[in-house]
Amino acid sequence: MKTTDDTEELFEKVYTDFKMHFYRAVFHKFSNREASLTTVETFCMEVIYAMKNPTVNEFANFIQISSPNAAYKINNLIQKGYLTKVQSREDKREYYLQVTQKYLDYYNISTSYVSEVLDRVRQAMTPEERGYFHRSLEIILEELKKDDLDPAKKSRGLQNADQVGKTKEE
């Protein structure tokens, strides 16, 4: 039977290996040209994507920076073509941040690898093991939500089609 320390070490290794694959893929993709996103911008985009279309203030509050600082970062990301602003239909003064296809193509570097690995994991497991694995992931998510780290919970998002208006031209 594995000890708690073994489980923590194994989880850390899995998490690190996924990150390392992502970093290698990103560096490979940009080896012949300069990367268009800085490290901080990449982290900002990941947060915005996970929050599912937050407002500037919701994004700023989540990462605990000032609204002007967040607006500066967001404007740079809009100029680079990774974000757009979508006007709320309910409150015309409010805009939601929406990732572009350019970002989704960039993000797919990581998600496609995760899908490949999970397909191989599913094939290596029995149906019963897949059920336990799925339940383990649900428990991990439940525990993360207790820490109020679920960024999607922090945002109203664009789930309600009535909120969405037109894209703000930048």
N, C-alpha and C. Protein backbone atom coordinates (compact mmCIF):
# COMPACT_ATOMS: atom_id res chain seq x y z
N MET A 1 0.85 -1.20 0.00
CA MET A 1 0.00 0.00 0.00
C MET A 1 0.88 1.24 0.00
N LYS A 2 0.50 2.23 -0.79
CA LYS A 2 1.28 3.47 -0.92
C LYS A 2 0.99 4.40 0.25
N THR A 3 2.01 5.14 0.65
CA THR A 3 1.84 6.10 1.73
C THR A 3 1.41 7.44 1.16
N THR A 4 0.96 8.33 2.03
CA THR A 4 0.55 9.67 1.61
C THR A 4 1.70 10.37 0.90
N ASP A 5 2.92 10.25 1.41
CA ASP A 5 4.06 10.90 0.78
C ASP A 5 4.27 10.39 -0.64
N ASP A 6 4.08 9.08 -0.85
CA ASP A 6 4.21 8.51 -2.19
C ASP A 6 3.15 9.09 -3.12
N THR A 7 1.94 9.24 -2.64
CA THR A 7 0.85 9.78 -3.46
C THR A 7 1.13 11.24 -3.82
N GLU A 8 1.57 12.02 -2.86
CA GLU A 8 1.89 13.42 -3.13
C GLU A 8 3.02 13.53 -4.15
N GLU A 9 4.03 12.71 -3.99
CA GLU A 9 5.16 12.71 -4.91
C GLU A 9 4.70 12.30 -6.31
N LEU A 10 3.86 11.30 -6.41
CA LEU A 10 3.36 10.84 -7.69
C LEU A 10 2.48 11.92 -8.35
N PHE A 11 1.61 12.55 -7.58
CA PHE A 11 0.76 13.61 -8.12
C PHE A 11 1.62 14.76 -8.63
N GLU A 12 2.61 15.16 -7.86
CA GLU A 12 3.52 16.24 -8.27
C GLU A 12 4.24 15.87 -9.57
N LYS A 13 4.66 14.63 -9.69
CA LYS A 13 5.34 14.20 -10.92
C LYS A 13 4.40 14.26 -12.12
N VAL A 14 3.16 13.80 -11.96
CA VAL A 14 2.20 13.86 -13.06
C VAL A 14 1.97 15.31 -13.48
N TYR A 15 1.74 16.18 -12.51
CA TYR A 15 1.50 17.60 -12.78
C TYR A 15 2.72 18.22 -13.48
N THR A 16 3.90 17.94 -12.98
CA THR A 16 5.13 18.48 -13.56
C THR A 16 5.35 17.96 -14.98
N ASP A 17 5.09 16.69 -15.20
CA ASP A 17 5.28 16.12 -16.53
C ASP A 17 4.34 16.77 -17.55
N PHE A 18 3.11 17.03 -17.17
CA PHE A 18 2.19 17.73 -18.07
C PHE A 18 2.71 19.14 -18.38
N LYS A 19 3.16 19.85 -17.36
CA LYS A 19 3.71 21.19 -17.58
C LYS A 19 4.93 21.15 -18.49
N MET A 20 5.83 20.21 -18.24
CA MET A 20 7.05 20.11 -19.03
C MET A 20 6.74 19.81 -20.50
N HIS A 21 5.79 18.93 -20.75
CA HIS A 21 5.40 18.66 -22.13
C HIS A 21 4.87 19.93 -22.78
N PHE A 22 4.03 20.66 -22.07
CA PHE A 22 3.47 21.91 -22.60
C PHE A 22 4.59 22.90 -22.92
N TYR A 23 5.50 23.10 -21.99
CA TYR A 23 6.60 24.06 -22.21
C TYR A 23 7.44 23.65 -23.41
N ARG A 24 7.76 22.38 -23.51
CA ARG A 24 8.56 21.90 -24.64
C ARG A 24 7.83 22.15 -25.96
N ALA A 25 6.53 21.87 -25.99
CA ALA A 25 5.75 22.09 -27.21
C ALA A 25 5.69 23.57 -27.57
N VAL A 26 5.53 24.43 -26.57
CA VAL A 26 5.48 25.87 -26.83
C VAL A 26 6.83 26.34 -27.37
N PHE A 27 7.93 25.96 -26.74
CA PHE A 27 9.24 26.37 -27.21
C PHE A 27 9.52 25.84 -28.60
N HIS A 28 9.11 24.61 -28.88
CA HIS A 28 9.32 24.04 -30.21
C HIS A 28 8.55 24.83 -31.26
N LYS A 29 7.31 25.16 -30.93
CA LYS A 29 6.47 25.90 -31.88
C LYS A 29 7.07 27.26 -32.20
N PHE A 30 7.71 27.87 -31.22
CA PHE A 30 8.23 29.22 -31.42
C PHE A 30 9.75 29.25 -31.62
N SER A 31 10.36 28.10 -31.90
CA SER A 31 11.81 28.05 -32.03
C SER A 31 12.33 28.86 -33.20
N ASN A 32 11.53 28.97 -34.26
CA ASN A 32 11.98 29.71 -35.44
C ASN A 32 11.48 31.15 -35.50
N ARG A 33 10.72 31.54 -34.50
CA ARG A 33 10.25 32.92 -34.45
C ARG A 33 10.01 33.30 -32.99
N GLU A 34 9.92 34.58 -32.75
CA GLU A 34 9.74 35.06 -31.38
C GLU A 34 8.33 34.75 -30.88
N ALA A 35 8.24 34.27 -29.66
CA ALA A 35 6.93 34.00 -29.05
C ALA A 35 6.17 35.31 -28.90
N SER A 36 4.87 35.25 -29.14
CA SER A 36 4.08 36.48 -29.09
C SER A 36 3.50 36.76 -27.71
N LEU A 37 3.52 35.77 -26.81
CA LEU A 37 3.02 35.98 -25.45
C LEU A 37 4.17 35.89 -24.45
N THR A 38 4.20 36.85 -23.53
CA THR A 38 5.17 36.75 -22.44
C THR A 38 4.65 35.72 -21.44
N THR A 39 5.49 35.36 -20.51
CA THR A 39 5.09 34.40 -19.48
C THR A 39 3.88 34.91 -18.69
N VAL A 40 3.93 36.16 -18.27
CA VAL A 40 2.83 36.73 -17.50
C VAL A 40 1.56 36.79 -18.35
N GLU A 41 1.70 37.14 -19.62
CA GLU A 41 0.53 37.17 -20.50
C GLU A 41 -0.07 35.77 -20.67
N THR A 42 0.79 34.77 -20.76
CA THR A 42 0.30 33.40 -20.86
C THR A 42 -0.51 33.03 -19.63
N PHE A 43 0.00 33.37 -18.45
CA PHE A 43 -0.74 33.08 -17.22
C PHE A 43 -2.06 33.85 -17.19
N CYS A 44 -2.04 35.11 -17.62
CA CYS A 44 -3.28 35.90 -17.66
C CYS A 44 -4.30 35.25 -18.58
N MET A 45 -3.86 34.80 -19.75
CA MET A 45 -4.78 34.16 -20.68
C MET A 45 -5.35 32.87 -20.11
N GLU A 46 -4.53 32.10 -19.43
CA GLU A 46 -5.03 30.86 -18.83
C GLU A 46 -6.10 31.16 -17.79
N VAL A 47 -5.90 32.21 -17.00
CA VAL A 47 -6.89 32.58 -15.99
C VAL A 47 -8.18 33.05 -16.66
N ILE A 48 -8.06 33.92 -17.64
CA ILE A 48 -9.24 34.44 -18.34
C ILE A 48 -10.02 33.29 -18.98
N TYR A 49 -9.32 32.37 -19.62
CA TYR A 49 -9.98 31.23 -20.25
C TYR A 49 -10.70 30.36 -19.21
N ALA A 50 -10.04 30.11 -18.09
CA ALA A 50 -10.63 29.30 -17.03
C ALA A 50 -11.83 29.98 -16.38
N MET A 51 -11.81 31.32 -16.34
CA MET A 51 -12.92 32.06 -15.73
C MET A 51 -14.14 32.12 -16.63
N LYS A 52 -14.01 31.71 -17.87
CA LYS A 52 -15.13 31.70 -18.80
C LYS A 52 -15.74 33.09 -19.00
N ASN A 53 -14.96 33.96 -19.60
CA ASN A 53 -15.42 35.29 -20.02
C ASN A 53 -15.71 36.26 -18.87
N PRO A 54 -14.73 36.53 -18.05
CA PRO A 54 -14.94 37.49 -16.95
C PRO A 54 -14.96 38.92 -17.47
N THR A 55 -15.39 39.83 -16.61
CA THR A 55 -15.21 41.26 -16.88
C THR A 55 -13.78 41.61 -16.46
N VAL A 56 -13.34 42.82 -16.81
CA VAL A 56 -12.01 43.27 -16.40
C VAL A 56 -11.91 43.26 -14.87
N ASN A 57 -12.94 43.74 -14.20
CA ASN A 57 -12.92 43.80 -12.74
C ASN A 57 -12.90 42.41 -12.11
N GLU A 58 -13.67 41.48 -12.67
CA GLU A 58 -13.66 40.12 -12.14
C GLU A 58 -12.28 39.49 -12.29
N PHE A 59 -11.65 39.71 -13.43
CA PHE A 59 -10.29 39.21 -13.66
C PHE A 59 -9.31 39.85 -12.68
N ALA A 60 -9.38 41.16 -12.53
CA ALA A 60 -8.48 41.88 -11.62
C ALA A 60 -8.66 41.40 -10.18
N ASN A 61 -9.90 41.24 -9.76
CA ASN A 61 -10.17 40.77 -8.40
C ASN A 61 -9.65 39.35 -8.19
N PHE A 62 -9.81 38.49 -9.18
CA PHE A 62 -9.37 37.11 -9.02
C PHE A 62 -7.86 37.01 -8.86
N ILE A 63 -7.12 37.74 -9.69
CA ILE A 63 -5.65 37.64 -9.58
C ILE A 63 -5.07 38.69 -8.63
N GLN A 64 -5.96 39.47 -8.03
CA GLN A 64 -5.61 40.42 -6.98
C GLN A 64 -4.61 41.49 -7.45
N ILE A 65 -5.00 42.14 -8.57
CA ILE A 65 -4.25 43.30 -9.06
C ILE A 65 -5.25 44.43 -9.25
N SER A 66 -4.74 45.64 -9.43
CA SER A 66 -5.64 46.79 -9.62
C SER A 66 -6.33 46.71 -10.98
N SER A 67 -7.49 47.34 -11.08
CA SER A 67 -8.21 47.37 -12.34
C SER A 67 -7.40 48.04 -13.45
N PRO A 68 -6.70 49.17 -13.17
CA PRO A 68 -5.88 49.77 -14.23
C PRO A 68 -4.75 48.83 -14.71
N ASN A 69 -4.14 48.11 -13.79
CA ASN A 69 -3.10 47.16 -14.17
C ASN A 69 -3.69 46.04 -15.02
N ALA A 70 -4.85 45.55 -14.63
CA ALA A 70 -5.52 44.50 -15.41
C ALA A 70 -5.90 45.03 -16.79
N ALA A 71 -6.42 46.24 -16.85
CA ALA A 71 -6.82 46.83 -18.13
C ALA A 71 -5.62 46.96 -19.06
N TYR A 72 -4.47 47.33 -18.52
CA TYR A 72 -3.25 47.44 -19.32
C TYR A 72 -2.86 46.08 -19.91
N LYS A 73 -2.89 45.05 -19.06
CA LYS A 73 -2.55 43.70 -19.53
C LYS A 73 -3.55 43.23 -20.59
N ILE A 74 -4.81 43.49 -20.35
CA ILE A 74 -5.86 43.07 -21.27
C ILE A 74 -5.73 43.78 -22.61
N ASN A 75 -5.47 45.09 -22.59
CA ASN A 75 -5.31 45.83 -23.84
C ASN A 75 -4.15 45.28 -24.67
N ASN A 76 -3.06 44.89 -24.01
CA ASN A 76 -1.93 44.28 -24.74
C ASN A 76 -2.36 42.96 -25.38
N LEU A 77 -3.15 42.18 -24.66
CA LEU A 77 -3.61 40.89 -25.20
C LEU A 77 -4.60 41.08 -26.34
N ILE A 78 -5.40 42.13 -26.27
CA ILE A 78 -6.32 42.45 -27.37
C ILE A 78 -5.51 42.85 -28.61
N GLN A 79 -4.50 43.70 -28.41
CA GLN A 79 -3.66 44.14 -29.53
C GLN A 79 -2.94 42.97 -30.19
N LYS A 80 -2.58 41.96 -29.42
CA LYS A 80 -1.89 40.79 -29.96
C LYS A 80 -2.86 39.78 -30.58
N GLY A 81 -4.15 40.04 -30.42
CA GLY A 81 -5.15 39.20 -31.07
C GLY A 81 -5.59 37.98 -30.27
N TYR A 82 -5.30 37.94 -28.96
CA TYR A 82 -5.66 36.79 -28.14
C TYR A 82 -6.99 36.97 -27.41
N LEU A 83 -7.46 38.20 -27.31
CA LEU A 83 -8.69 38.51 -26.58
C LEU A 83 -9.55 39.49 -27.38
N THR A 84 -10.84 39.45 -27.13
CA THR A 84 -11.76 40.49 -27.58
C THR A 84 -12.62 40.87 -26.39
N LYS A 85 -13.26 42.01 -26.51
CA LYS A 85 -14.24 42.43 -25.51
C LYS A 85 -15.61 42.31 -26.14
N VAL A 86 -16.54 41.70 -25.40
CA VAL A 86 -17.91 41.52 -25.88
C VAL A 86 -18.83 42.31 -24.95
N GLN A 87 -19.60 43.22 -25.55
CA GLN A 87 -20.48 44.09 -24.76
C GLN A 87 -21.66 43.31 -24.20
N SER A 88 -21.97 43.57 -22.94
CA SER A 88 -23.13 42.97 -22.29
C SER A 88 -24.40 43.56 -22.90
N ARG A 89 -25.37 42.70 -23.15
CA ARG A 89 -26.66 43.18 -23.65
C ARG A 89 -27.48 43.78 -22.52
N GLU A 90 -27.20 43.33 -21.29
CA GLU A 90 -27.96 43.84 -20.14
C GLU A 90 -27.45 45.20 -19.69
N ASP A 91 -26.13 45.37 -19.64
CA ASP A 91 -25.53 46.61 -19.18
C ASP A 91 -24.49 47.02 -20.22
N LYS A 92 -24.84 47.95 -21.06
CA LYS A 92 -24.00 48.35 -22.19
C LYS A 92 -22.65 48.92 -21.75
N ARG A 93 -22.51 49.25 -20.47
CA ARG A 93 -21.24 49.78 -19.97
C ARG A 93 -20.25 48.67 -19.65
N GLU A 94 -20.72 47.44 -19.61
CA GLU A 94 -19.90 46.31 -19.18
C GLU A 94 -19.49 45.45 -20.37
N TYR A 95 -18.22 45.00 -20.33
CA TYR A 95 -17.70 44.14 -21.39
C TYR A 95 -17.13 42.86 -20.78
N TYR A 96 -17.34 41.75 -21.49
CA TYR A 96 -16.79 40.46 -21.09
C TYR A 96 -15.57 40.17 -21.94
N LEU A 97 -14.58 39.54 -21.32
CA LEU A 97 -13.37 39.17 -22.03
C LEU A 97 -13.58 37.80 -22.66
N GLN A 98 -13.30 37.71 -23.95
CA GLN A 98 -13.50 36.46 -24.66
C GLN A 98 -12.22 36.10 -25.42
N VAL A 99 -11.77 34.86 -25.23
CA VAL A 99 -10.56 34.43 -25.92
C VAL A 99 -10.87 34.25 -27.41
N THR A 100 -9.86 34.45 -28.24
CA THR A 100 -10.03 34.31 -29.69
C THR A 100 -9.56 32.93 -30.15
N GLN A 101 -9.81 32.64 -31.40
CA GLN A 101 -9.35 31.39 -31.99
C GLN A 101 -7.82 31.31 -31.93
N LYS A 102 -7.16 32.45 -32.05
CA LYS A 102 -5.70 32.48 -31.97
C LYS A 102 -5.23 31.90 -30.64
N TYR A 103 -5.91 32.28 -29.54
CA TYR A 103 -5.54 31.72 -28.24
C TYR A 103 -5.90 30.24 -28.17
N LEU A 104 -7.07 29.88 -28.67
CA LEU A 104 -7.49 28.47 -28.61
C LEU A 104 -6.50 27.58 -29.36
N ASP A 105 -5.96 28.07 -30.47
CA ASP A 105 -4.94 27.30 -31.19
C ASP A 105 -3.69 27.13 -30.34
N TYR A 106 -3.31 28.19 -29.64
CA TYR A 106 -2.15 28.16 -28.74
C TYR A 106 -2.43 27.20 -27.58
N TYR A 107 -3.61 27.31 -26.99
CA TYR A 107 -3.99 26.50 -25.83
C TYR A 107 -4.08 25.02 -26.20
N ASN A 108 -4.45 24.74 -27.43
CA ASN A 108 -4.60 23.37 -27.90
C ASN A 108 -3.29 22.58 -27.81
N ILE A 109 -2.15 23.27 -27.77
CA ILE A 109 -0.86 22.59 -27.61
C ILE A 109 -0.90 21.72 -26.36
N SER A 110 -1.48 22.23 -25.30
CA SER A 110 -1.55 21.51 -24.04
C SER A 110 -2.71 20.53 -24.00
N THR A 111 -3.87 20.96 -24.41
CA THR A 111 -5.06 20.12 -24.26
C THR A 111 -5.02 18.88 -25.14
N SER A 112 -4.43 18.97 -26.32
CA SER A 112 -4.38 17.79 -27.18
C SER A 112 -3.50 16.71 -26.56
N TYR A 113 -2.42 17.10 -25.90
CA TYR A 113 -1.56 16.12 -25.24
C TYR A 113 -2.28 15.47 -24.06
N VAL A 114 -2.99 16.26 -23.28
CA VAL A 114 -3.75 15.73 -22.15
C VAL A 114 -4.75 14.70 -22.67
N SER A 115 -5.44 15.01 -23.76
CA SER A 115 -6.40 14.06 -24.34
C SER A 115 -5.73 12.77 -24.77
N GLU A 116 -4.56 12.89 -25.40
CA GLU A 116 -3.83 11.69 -25.83
C GLU A 116 -3.46 10.81 -24.64
N VAL A 117 -2.93 11.43 -23.59
CA VAL A 117 -2.52 10.67 -22.41
C VAL A 117 -3.74 10.02 -21.76
N LEU A 118 -4.83 10.76 -21.62
CA LEU A 118 -6.02 10.21 -20.99
C LEU A 118 -6.63 9.07 -21.81
N ASP A 119 -6.55 9.15 -23.13
CA ASP A 119 -7.01 8.04 -23.96
C ASP A 119 -6.20 6.78 -23.66
N ARG A 120 -4.89 6.93 -23.54
CA ARG A 120 -4.03 5.77 -23.24
C ARG A 120 -4.30 5.25 -21.83
N VAL A 121 -4.56 6.15 -20.89
CA VAL A 121 -4.86 5.75 -19.52
C VAL A 121 -6.16 4.95 -19.50
N ARG A 122 -7.18 5.44 -20.19
CA ARG A 122 -8.47 4.73 -20.25
C ARG A 122 -8.30 3.33 -20.82
N GLN A 123 -7.50 3.20 -21.86
CA GLN A 123 -7.27 1.90 -22.48
C GLN A 123 -6.54 0.94 -21.55
N ALA A 124 -5.69 1.47 -20.68
CA ALA A 124 -4.91 0.63 -19.77
C ALA A 124 -5.70 0.21 -18.54
N MET A 125 -6.86 0.83 -18.31
CA MET A 125 -7.65 0.56 -17.11
C MET A 125 -8.85 -0.32 -17.41
N THR A 126 -9.26 -1.02 -16.38
CA THR A 126 -10.52 -1.76 -16.47
C THR A 126 -11.66 -0.76 -16.29
N PRO A 127 -12.88 -1.11 -16.65
CA PRO A 127 -14.01 -0.21 -16.41
C PRO A 127 -14.11 0.19 -14.93
N GLU A 128 -13.87 -0.74 -14.03
CA GLU A 128 -13.93 -0.42 -12.60
C GLU A 128 -12.85 0.59 -12.23
N GLU A 129 -11.64 0.41 -12.73
CA GLU A 129 -10.55 1.35 -12.45
C GLU A 129 -10.86 2.73 -13.03
N ARG A 130 -11.46 2.77 -14.22
CA ARG A 130 -11.84 4.06 -14.80
C ARG A 130 -12.85 4.77 -13.92
N GLY A 131 -13.78 4.03 -13.33
CA GLY A 131 -14.75 4.61 -12.41
C GLY A 131 -14.08 5.19 -11.17
N TYR A 132 -13.13 4.46 -10.61
CA TYR A 132 -12.39 4.96 -9.44
C TYR A 132 -11.55 6.18 -9.81
N PHE A 133 -10.94 6.14 -10.98
CA PHE A 133 -10.12 7.26 -11.43
C PHE A 133 -10.99 8.51 -11.60
N HIS A 134 -12.15 8.34 -12.24
CA HIS A 134 -13.07 9.46 -12.43
C HIS A 134 -13.52 10.03 -11.08
N ARG A 135 -13.86 9.14 -10.17
CA ARG A 135 -14.29 9.60 -8.83
C ARG A 135 -13.14 10.31 -8.11
N SER A 136 -11.92 9.84 -8.27
CA SER A 136 -10.76 10.50 -7.66
C SER A 136 -10.61 11.92 -8.18
N LEU A 137 -10.78 12.10 -9.48
CA LEU A 137 -10.69 13.44 -10.06
C LEU A 137 -11.81 14.35 -9.55
N GLU A 138 -13.03 13.79 -9.39
CA GLU A 138 -14.13 14.57 -8.83
C GLU A 138 -13.81 15.03 -7.41
N ILE A 139 -13.22 14.15 -6.61
CA ILE A 139 -12.86 14.50 -5.23
C ILE A 139 -11.82 15.61 -5.23
N ILE A 140 -10.83 15.51 -6.10
CA ILE A 140 -9.79 16.55 -6.19
C ILE A 140 -10.44 17.89 -6.52
N LEU A 141 -11.34 17.91 -7.49
CA LEU A 141 -12.03 19.16 -7.85
C LEU A 141 -12.86 19.70 -6.69
N GLU A 142 -13.56 18.83 -6.00
CA GLU A 142 -14.35 19.26 -4.84
C GLU A 142 -13.47 19.90 -3.79
N GLU A 143 -12.31 19.32 -3.55
CA GLU A 143 -11.39 19.86 -2.55
C GLU A 143 -10.82 21.20 -3.00
N LEU A 144 -10.51 21.34 -4.28
CA LEU A 144 -10.02 22.62 -4.79
C LEU A 144 -11.07 23.71 -4.65
N LYS A 145 -12.32 23.36 -4.87
CA LYS A 145 -13.40 24.34 -4.77
C LYS A 145 -13.57 24.84 -3.34
N LYS A 146 -13.23 24.02 -2.37
CA LYS A 146 -13.32 24.44 -0.97
C LYS A 146 -12.37 25.59 -0.69
N ASP A 147 -11.28 25.67 -1.44
CA ASP A 147 -10.30 26.74 -1.27
C ASP A 147 -10.67 27.97 -2.09
N ASP A 148 -11.83 27.93 -2.74
CA ASP A 148 -12.31 29.05 -3.54
C ASP A 148 -11.33 29.38 -4.66
N LEU A 149 -10.74 28.35 -5.23
CA LEU A 149 -9.79 28.55 -6.32
C LEU A 149 -10.40 28.29 -7.68
N ASP A 150 -11.67 27.93 -7.73
CA ASP A 150 -12.30 27.64 -9.00
C ASP A 150 -12.58 28.96 -9.72
N PRO A 151 -11.77 29.32 -10.73
CA PRO A 151 -11.95 30.62 -11.38
C PRO A 151 -13.27 30.73 -12.12
N ALA A 152 -13.82 29.63 -12.60
CA ALA A 152 -15.09 29.70 -13.31
C ALA A 152 -16.21 30.15 -12.38
N LYS A 153 -16.09 29.80 -11.11
CA LYS A 153 -17.10 30.17 -10.12
C LYS A 153 -17.04 31.69 -9.84
N LYS A 154 -15.91 32.30 -10.14
CA LYS A 154 -15.73 33.71 -9.87
C LYS A 154 -16.34 34.61 -10.94
N SER A 155 -16.81 34.02 -12.02
CA SER A 155 -17.28 34.81 -13.13
C SER A 155 -18.70 34.46 -13.51
N ARG A 156 -19.43 35.46 -13.95
CA ARG A 156 -20.77 35.20 -14.48
C ARG A 156 -20.66 34.53 -15.83
N GLY A 157 -19.61 34.88 -16.57
CA GLY A 157 -19.36 34.29 -17.88
C GLY A 157 -20.39 34.66 -18.91
N LEU A 158 -20.36 33.97 -20.03
CA LEU A 158 -21.25 34.25 -21.13
C LEU A 158 -22.30 33.16 -21.30
N GLN A 159 -22.59 32.43 -20.22
CA GLN A 159 -23.55 31.35 -20.32
C GLN A 159 -24.92 31.86 -20.76
N ASN A 160 -25.30 33.02 -20.30
CA ASN A 160 -26.59 33.58 -20.65
C ASN A 160 -26.46 34.38 -21.94
N ALA A 161 -27.03 33.90 -23.02
CA ALA A 161 -26.89 34.55 -24.32
C ALA A 161 -27.43 35.97 -24.31
N ASP A 162 -28.35 36.27 -23.41
CA ASP A 162 -28.90 37.63 -23.34
C ASP A 162 -27.86 38.65 -22.88
N GLN A 163 -26.82 38.19 -22.22
CA GLN A 163 -25.78 39.11 -21.73
C GLN A 163 -24.87 39.58 -22.85
N VAL A 164 -24.75 38.78 -23.88
CA VAL A 164 -23.74 39.01 -24.90
C VAL A 164 -24.27 39.97 -25.96
N GLY A 165 -23.43 40.90 -26.31
CA GLY A 165 -23.76 41.84 -27.37
C GLY A 165 -22.77 41.71 -28.48
N LYS A 166 -22.26 42.83 -28.91
CA LYS A 166 -21.32 42.82 -30.03
C LYS A 166 -19.89 42.92 -29.52
N THR A 167 -18.95 42.49 -30.34
CA THR A 167 -17.54 42.59 -30.00
C THR A 167 -17.11 44.04 -30.13
N LYS A 168 -16.40 44.53 -29.13
CA LYS A 168 -15.90 45.89 -29.16
C LYS A 168 -14.69 45.94 -30.09
N GLU A 169 -14.73 46.80 -31.02
CA GLU A 169 -13.61 46.96 -31.96
C GLU A 169 -12.49 47.71 -31.27
N GLU A 170 -11.34 47.12 -31.29
CA GLU A 170 -10.17 47.74 -30.63
C GLU A 170 -9.21 48.27 -31.67
